[in-house]
Amino acid sequence: MGCHAVDRKLVGPSFKDVAAKYKGDGAAEARLEKKVRDGGVGVWGAIPMPSHPAMSAADIHSVVGWVLAGAPSK
């Protein structure tokens, strides 16, 4: 939560903006899971997203699913 917020840009885009960008994209879940694990740059600007290699595949899957669902509070 140091780089992203639910509804406003911090260092990176808001989770709601990410959900909107990838809405209807059937390949988004796998692509975003890879990006969380490996990091990346260029999709949202020049600031790189760091990798999270210590995060389990199950946790990454849960977080990405939550983001793509619009980051619901419940």
Protein backbone atom coordinates (compact mmCIF):
# COMPACT_ATOMS: atom_id res chain seq x y z
CA MET A 1 0.00 0.00 0.00
CA GLY A 2 3.06 2.24 -0.09
CA CYS A 3 2.89 2.52 -3.88
CA HIS A 4 -0.82 2.06 -4.65
CA ALA A 5 -4.06 3.17 -3.02
CA VAL A 6 -7.57 1.93 -3.67
CA ASP A 7 -8.95 5.13 -5.18
CA ARG A 8 -6.09 7.57 -5.82
CA LYS A 9 -2.70 7.61 -7.50
CA LEU A 10 0.32 7.38 -5.23
CA VAL A 11 3.58 6.27 -6.84
CA GLY A 12 1.60 3.94 -9.10
CA PRO A 13 -2.00 3.99 -10.30
CA SER A 14 -4.95 3.39 -8.02
CA PHE A 15 -6.24 -0.15 -7.82
CA LYS A 16 -9.55 1.06 -9.26
CA ASP A 17 -7.71 2.52 -12.29
CA VAL A 18 -5.92 -0.80 -12.80
CA ALA A 19 -9.26 -2.65 -12.67
CA ALA A 20 -10.78 -0.24 -15.20
CA LYS A 21 -7.82 -0.54 -17.59
CA TYR A 22 -7.99 -4.33 -17.66
CA LYS A 23 -11.78 -4.77 -17.51
CA GLY A 24 -12.83 -7.41 -20.00
CA ASP A 25 -9.25 -8.52 -20.72
CA GLY A 26 -9.22 -12.29 -20.26
CA ALA A 27 -5.41 -12.40 -20.18
CA ALA A 28 -5.07 -9.66 -17.54
CA GLU A 29 -4.98 -11.91 -14.49
CA ALA A 30 -1.98 -13.95 -15.68
CA ARG A 31 -0.19 -10.86 -17.02
CA LEU A 32 -0.65 -8.94 -13.76
CA GLU A 33 0.37 -11.91 -11.62
CA LYS A 34 3.64 -12.04 -13.61
CA LYS A 35 4.10 -8.28 -13.23
CA VAL A 36 3.63 -8.44 -9.44
CA ARG A 37 6.12 -11.32 -9.18
CA ASP A 38 8.73 -9.99 -11.66
CA GLY A 39 8.18 -6.22 -11.60
CA GLY A 40 7.88 -4.04 -14.68
CA VAL A 41 7.94 -0.58 -16.20
CA GLY A 42 6.30 1.38 -18.96
CA VAL A 43 2.60 0.58 -18.72
CA TRP A 44 1.79 3.47 -16.35
CA GLY A 45 4.82 5.67 -16.94
CA ALA A 46 8.56 5.61 -16.33
CA ILE A 47 8.56 4.70 -12.63
CA PRO A 48 9.32 0.97 -12.32
CA MET A 49 7.22 -1.41 -10.26
CA PRO A 50 9.52 -3.50 -8.06
CA SER A 51 9.36 -7.28 -8.11
CA HIS A 52 7.89 -9.27 -5.23
CA PRO A 53 9.72 -12.62 -5.51
CA ALA A 54 9.11 -13.59 -1.88
CA MET A 55 5.33 -13.32 -2.26
CA SER A 56 3.66 -16.73 -2.70
CA ALA A 57 1.85 -17.54 -5.93
CA ALA A 58 -1.37 -17.96 -3.93
CA ASP A 59 -1.03 -14.51 -2.33
CA ILE A 60 -0.26 -12.91 -5.70
CA HIS A 61 -3.30 -14.62 -7.20
CA SER A 62 -5.51 -13.35 -4.35
CA VAL A 63 -4.23 -9.77 -4.58
CA VAL A 64 -4.56 -9.59 -8.36
CA GLY A 65 -8.08 -11.03 -8.19
CA TRP A 66 -9.03 -8.41 -5.62
CA VAL A 67 -7.55 -5.59 -7.72
CA LEU A 68 -9.30 -6.78 -10.90
CA ALA A 69 -12.58 -6.98 -8.97
CA GLY A 70 -12.24 -3.23 -8.34
CA ALA A 71 -10.58 -3.47 -4.91
CA PRO A 72 -13.82 -3.93 -2.99
CA SER A 73 -13.82 -3.03 0.69
CA LYS A 74 -15.76 -6.19 1.65
